[in-house]
Amino acid sequence: MKNLPLKRKGFTLIEVLMTLALVSSVSGFVIAGALQALKMRQKAISLNRAIYLCKQKMHEIKSLNKTDSGKGEYPSSPGYRFEYVIREQELDLQKIADSLGAGKAVENSPAAKYFKERSGGAKSATGIVFKMMHFHVSVTWAEKESYELDYYRGLGF
């Protein structure tokens, strides 16, 4: 009878150490990814809350219809603060056209000539200046995060 080599049972120490090193490095990436996902989730929840509060404040101030400003905190949401400004603003069609590179074409258009004649001593080259009410709300939280919302309501020529 021949001596047959014995079959080994189990793993060597090097195989066990290599497996432990591989598992620990992969688990480090998994844990870091999970922590990043939790941070992003919290940031999304905070931003969603700020958007809701900002829209709520905008709804409140749109009914004022006068120039005003104010700031404060939300009692129902600690850590969230708001500021708002309501002001009249003039929107000049010629300035908008100039910024878009179409200034001369708009200034010499038949519509601009018509409005210039109708408005008499107009401040604008086109004679078209819209009066607007500008509502601006800003919500801040966590000392560095903010969300802003603007709304415009026309008041006529």
C-alpha atoms as a PDB file:
ATOM      1  CA  MET A   1       0.000   0.000   0.000  1.00  0.00           C
ATOM      2  CA  LYS A   2       1.068   3.350  -0.926  1.00  0.00           C
ATOM      3  CA  ASN A   3       0.961   6.358   1.372  1.00  0.00           C
ATOM      4  CA  LEU A   4      -1.548   8.794  -0.037  1.00  0.00           C
ATOM      5  CA  PRO A   5      -1.155  12.469   0.828  1.00  0.00           C
ATOM      6  CA  LEU A   6      -3.563  13.655   3.467  1.00  0.00           C
ATOM      7  CA  LYS A   7      -6.290  16.022   2.312  1.00  0.00           C
ATOM      8  CA  ARG A   8      -6.196  19.226   4.227  1.00  0.00           C
ATOM      9  CA  LYS A   9      -9.240  20.454   6.065  1.00  0.00           C
ATOM     10  CA  GLY A  10      -9.855  24.173   6.593  1.00  0.00           C
ATOM     11  CA  PHE A  11      -8.011  27.313   5.485  1.00  0.00           C
ATOM     12  CA  THR A  12      -4.484  28.477   5.996  1.00  0.00           C
ATOM     13  CA  LEU A  13      -3.739  31.526   8.124  1.00  0.00           C
ATOM     14  CA  ILE A  14      -2.815  33.597   5.062  1.00  0.00           C
ATOM     15  CA  GLU A  15      -6.136  32.804   3.370  1.00  0.00           C
ATOM     16  CA  VAL A  16      -8.056  33.865   6.483  1.00  0.00           C
ATOM     17  CA  LEU A  17      -6.065  37.115   6.805  1.00  0.00           C
ATOM     18  CA  MET A  18      -6.570  37.984   3.119  1.00  0.00           C
ATOM     19  CA  THR A  19     -10.312  37.399   3.454  1.00  0.00           C
ATOM     20  CA  LEU A  20     -10.501  39.589   6.552  1.00  0.00           C
ATOM     21  CA  ALA A  21      -8.596  42.385   4.794  1.00  0.00           C
ATOM     22  CA  LEU A  22     -10.891  42.225   1.771  1.00  0.00           C
ATOM     23  CA  VAL A  23     -14.086  42.189   3.860  1.00  0.00           C
ATOM     24  CA  SER A  24     -12.919  45.082   6.055  1.00  0.00           C
ATOM     25  CA  SER A  25     -12.018  47.295   3.075  1.00  0.00           C
ATOM     26  CA  VAL A  26     -15.323  46.597   1.313  1.00  0.00           C
ATOM     27  CA  SER A  27     -17.308  47.201   4.495  1.00  0.00           C
ATOM     28  CA  GLY A  28     -15.504  50.550   4.919  1.00  0.00           C
ATOM     29  CA  PHE A  29     -16.787  51.676   1.516  1.00  0.00           C
ATOM     30  CA  VAL A  30     -20.290  50.442   2.291  1.00  0.00           C
ATOM     31  CA  ILE A  31     -20.398  52.280   5.640  1.00  0.00           C
ATOM     32  CA  ALA A  32     -19.032  55.503   4.081  1.00  0.00           C
ATOM     33  CA  GLY A  33     -21.665  55.301   1.343  1.00  0.00           C
ATOM     34  CA  ALA A  34     -24.437  54.733   3.865  1.00  0.00           C
ATOM     35  CA  LEU A  35     -23.313  57.725   5.951  1.00  0.00           C
ATOM     36  CA  GLN A  36     -23.196  59.930   2.840  1.00  0.00           C
ATOM     37  CA  ALA A  37     -26.710  58.778   1.893  1.00  0.00           C
ATOM     38  CA  LEU A  38     -27.984  59.688   5.369  1.00  0.00           C
ATOM     39  CA  LYS A  39     -26.429  63.176   5.122  1.00  0.00           C
ATOM     40  CA  MET A  40     -27.980  63.726   1.701  1.00  0.00           C
ATOM     41  CA  ARG A  41     -31.363  62.540   2.981  1.00  0.00           C
ATOM     42  CA  GLN A  42     -31.234  65.017   5.871  1.00  0.00           C
ATOM     43  CA  LYS A  43     -30.231  67.834   3.520  1.00  0.00           C
ATOM     44  CA  ALA A  44     -33.128  66.998   1.191  1.00  0.00           C
ATOM     45  CA  ILE A  45     -35.585  66.970   4.098  1.00  0.00           C
ATOM     46  CA  SER A  46     -34.294  70.374   5.293  1.00  0.00           C
ATOM     47  CA  LEU A  47     -34.502  71.884   1.810  1.00  0.00           C
ATOM     48  CA  ASN A  48     -38.014  70.525   1.300  1.00  0.00           C
ATOM     49  CA  ARG A  49     -39.064  72.079   4.616  1.00  0.00           C
ATOM     50  CA  ALA A  50     -37.492  75.426   3.622  1.00  0.00           C
ATOM     51  CA  ILE A  51     -39.314  75.410   0.270  1.00  0.00           C
ATOM     52  CA  TYR A  52     -42.633  74.755   2.014  1.00  0.00           C
ATOM     53  CA  LEU A  53     -42.030  77.536   4.572  1.00  0.00           C
ATOM     54  CA  CYS A  54     -40.892  79.971   1.870  1.00  0.00           C
ATOM     55  CA  LYS A  55     -44.021  79.343  -0.225  1.00  0.00           C
ATOM     56  CA  GLN A  56     -46.183  79.711   2.872  1.00  0.00           C
ATOM     57  CA  LYS A  57     -44.610  83.104   3.706  1.00  0.00           C
ATOM     58  CA  MET A  58     -44.925  84.225   0.062  1.00  0.00           C
ATOM     59  CA  HIS A  59     -48.628  83.378   0.162  1.00  0.00           C
ATOM     60  CA  GLU A  60     -49.005  85.525   3.303  1.00  0.00           C
ATOM     61  CA  ILE A  61     -47.180  88.600   1.981  1.00  0.00           C
ATOM     62  CA  LYS A  62     -48.734  88.613  -1.513  1.00  0.00           C
ATOM     63  CA  SER A  63     -51.942  89.875   0.061  1.00  0.00           C
ATOM     64  CA  LEU A  64     -50.203  92.948   1.566  1.00  0.00           C
ATOM     65  CA  ASN A  65     -49.919  94.779  -1.808  1.00  0.00           C
ATOM     66  CA  LYS A  66     -47.759  97.546  -0.321  1.00  0.00           C
ATOM     67  CA  THR A  67     -44.043  98.126   0.085  1.00  0.00           C
ATOM     68  CA  ASP A  68     -42.887  96.479   3.269  1.00  0.00           C
ATOM     69  CA  SER A  69     -40.126  94.338   4.759  1.00  0.00           C
ATOM     70  CA  GLY A  70     -39.687  92.104   7.744  1.00  0.00           C
ATOM     71  CA  LYS A  71     -37.905  89.165   9.261  1.00  0.00           C
ATOM     72  CA  GLY A  72     -38.455  86.596  11.941  1.00  0.00           C
ATOM     73  CA  GLU A  73     -38.453  82.939  12.893  1.00  0.00           C
ATOM     74  CA  TYR A  74     -40.978  80.207  12.296  1.00  0.00           C
ATOM     75  CA  PRO A  75     -42.388  79.086  15.664  1.00  0.00           C
ATOM     76  CA  SER A  76     -43.387  75.705  14.220  1.00  0.00           C
ATOM     77  CA  SER A  77     -39.906  75.093  12.745  1.00  0.00           C
ATOM     78  CA  PRO A  78     -37.051  75.968  15.107  1.00  0.00           C
ATOM     79  CA  GLY A  79     -33.855  76.971  13.345  1.00  0.00           C
ATOM     80  CA  TYR A  80     -35.613  78.316  10.229  1.00  0.00           C
ATOM     81  CA  ARG A  81     -35.651  82.095   9.762  1.00  0.00           C
ATOM     82  CA  PHE A  82     -37.248  84.264   7.084  1.00  0.00           C
ATOM     83  CA  GLU A  83     -36.749  87.701   5.580  1.00  0.00           C
ATOM     84  CA  TYR A  84     -39.024  89.362   3.079  1.00  0.00           C
ATOM     85  CA  VAL A  85     -39.008  92.547   1.026  1.00  0.00           C
ATOM     86  CA  ILE A  86     -41.875  93.999  -1.003  1.00  0.00           C
ATOM     87  CA  ARG A  87     -40.991  96.875  -3.310  1.00  0.00           C
ATOM     88  CA  GLU A  88     -42.201  98.606  -6.416  1.00  0.00           C
ATOM     89  CA  GLN A  89     -39.993  98.125  -9.419  1.00  0.00           C
ATOM     90  CA  GLU A  90     -40.001  99.435 -12.970  1.00  0.00           C
ATOM     91  CA  LEU A  91     -39.295  97.052 -15.816  1.00  0.00           C
ATOM     92  CA  ASP A  92     -37.978  98.862 -18.886  1.00  0.00           C
ATOM     93  CA  LEU A  93     -38.486  96.992 -22.168  1.00  0.00           C
ATOM     94  CA  GLN A  94     -35.551  98.816 -23.774  1.00  0.00           C
ATOM     95  CA  LYS A  95     -33.106  97.750 -21.040  1.00  0.00           C
ATOM     96  CA  ILE A  96     -34.216  94.147 -21.429  1.00  0.00           C
ATOM     97  CA  ALA A  97     -33.816  94.349 -25.223  1.00  0.00           C
ATOM     98  CA  ASP A  98     -30.352  95.900 -24.819  1.00  0.00           C
ATOM     99  CA  SER A  99     -29.261  93.102 -22.500  1.00  0.00           C
ATOM    100  CA  LEU A 100     -30.438  90.536 -25.064  1.00  0.00           C
ATOM    101  CA  GLY A 101     -28.605  92.276 -27.911  1.00  0.00           C
ATOM    102  CA  ALA A 102     -31.775  93.451 -29.689  1.00  0.00           C
ATOM    103  CA  GLY A 103     -31.743  97.042 -28.457  1.00  0.00           C
ATOM    104  CA  LYS A 104     -31.688  98.898 -31.798  1.00  0.00           C
ATOM    105  CA  ALA A 105     -34.263  96.620 -33.408  1.00  0.00           C
ATOM    106  CA  VAL A 106     -36.696  97.172 -30.543  1.00  0.00           C
ATOM    107  CA  GLU A 107     -36.020 100.908 -30.322  1.00  0.00           C
ATOM    108  CA  ASN A 108     -36.793 101.384 -34.031  1.00  0.00           C
ATOM    109  CA  SER A 109     -39.800  99.049 -34.147  1.00  0.00           C
ATOM    110  CA  PRO A 110     -43.273 100.305 -35.015  1.00  0.00           C
ATOM    111  CA  ALA A 111     -44.556  99.177 -31.578  1.00  0.00           C
ATOM    112  CA  ALA A 112     -41.887 101.251 -29.801  1.00  0.00           C
ATOM    113  CA  LYS A 113     -42.766 104.323 -31.887  1.00  0.00           C
ATOM    114  CA  TYR A 114     -46.460 103.844 -31.081  1.00  0.00           C
ATOM    115  CA  PHE A 115     -45.874 103.533 -27.321  1.00  0.00           C
ATOM    116  CA  LYS A 116     -43.413 106.447 -27.336  1.00  0.00           C
ATOM    117  CA  GLU A 117     -46.062 108.688 -28.921  1.00  0.00           C
ATOM    118  CA  ARG A 118     -48.721 107.518 -26.440  1.00  0.00           C
ATOM    119  CA  SER A 119     -46.576 107.997 -23.354  1.00  0.00           C
ATOM    120  CA  GLY A 120     -45.461 111.542 -24.118  1.00  0.00           C
ATOM    121  CA  GLY A 121     -42.361 112.238 -22.020  1.00  0.00           C
ATOM    122  CA  ALA A 122     -41.321 108.630 -21.497  1.00  0.00           C
ATOM    123  CA  LYS A 123     -38.263 107.704 -19.482  1.00  0.00           C
ATOM    124  CA  SER A 124     -37.481 104.856 -21.866  1.00  0.00           C
ATOM    125  CA  ALA A 125     -36.365 104.874 -25.496  1.00  0.00           C
ATOM    126  CA  THR A 126     -39.317 102.603 -26.301  1.00  0.00           C
ATOM    127  CA  GLY A 127     -41.787 104.359 -24.042  1.00  0.00           C
ATOM    128  CA  ILE A 128     -42.643 101.023 -22.480  1.00  0.00           C
ATOM    129  CA  VAL A 129     -41.998 100.848 -18.750  1.00  0.00           C
ATOM    130  CA  PHE A 130     -43.990  98.349 -16.716  1.00  0.00           C
ATOM    131  CA  LYS A 131     -44.607  99.026 -13.059  1.00  0.00           C
ATOM    132  CA  MET A 132     -44.274  95.873 -10.990  1.00  0.00           C
ATOM    133  CA  MET A 133     -44.640  94.849  -7.390  1.00  0.00           C
ATOM    134  CA  HIS A 134     -41.668  92.625  -6.485  1.00  0.00           C
ATOM    135  CA  PHE A 135     -42.096  90.175  -3.596  1.00  0.00           C
ATOM    136  CA  HIS A 136     -38.912  88.481  -2.323  1.00  0.00           C
ATOM    137  CA  VAL A 137     -38.724  85.869   0.449  1.00  0.00           C
ATOM    138  CA  SER A 138     -35.561  84.238   1.790  1.00  0.00           C
ATOM    139  CA  VAL A 139     -35.512  81.325   4.248  1.00  0.00           C
ATOM    140  CA  THR A 140     -32.276  80.358   6.020  1.00  0.00           C
ATOM    141  CA  TRP A 141     -31.430  77.405   8.238  1.00  0.00           C
ATOM    142  CA  ALA A 142     -28.322  75.712   9.626  1.00  0.00           C
ATOM    143  CA  GLU A 143     -26.506  79.095   9.538  1.00  0.00           C
ATOM    144  CA  LYS A 144     -25.334  78.627   5.932  1.00  0.00           C
ATOM    145  CA  GLU A 145     -28.175  77.124   3.916  1.00  0.00           C
ATOM    146  CA  SER A 146     -30.811  79.305   2.247  1.00  0.00           C
ATOM    147  CA  TYR A 147     -33.665  79.221  -0.251  1.00  0.00           C
ATOM    148  CA  GLU A 148     -35.093  82.267  -2.026  1.00  0.00           C
ATOM    149  CA  LEU A 149     -38.328  82.871  -3.870  1.00  0.00           C
ATOM    150  CA  ASP A 150     -39.413  85.847  -6.024  1.00  0.00           C
ATOM    151  CA  TYR A 151     -42.837  86.813  -7.312  1.00  0.00           C
ATOM    152  CA  TYR A 152     -43.803  89.728  -9.546  1.00  0.00           C
ATOM    153  CA  ARG A 153     -47.222  91.317  -9.946  1.00  0.00           C
ATOM    154  CA  GLY A 154     -47.864  93.817 -12.708  1.00  0.00           C
ATOM    155  CA  LEU A 155     -49.279  97.229 -11.814  1.00  0.00           C
ATOM    156  CA  GLY A 156     -49.647  98.514 -15.398  1.00  0.00           C
ATOM    157  CA  PHE A 157     -47.792 101.029 -17.547  1.00  0.00           C
END
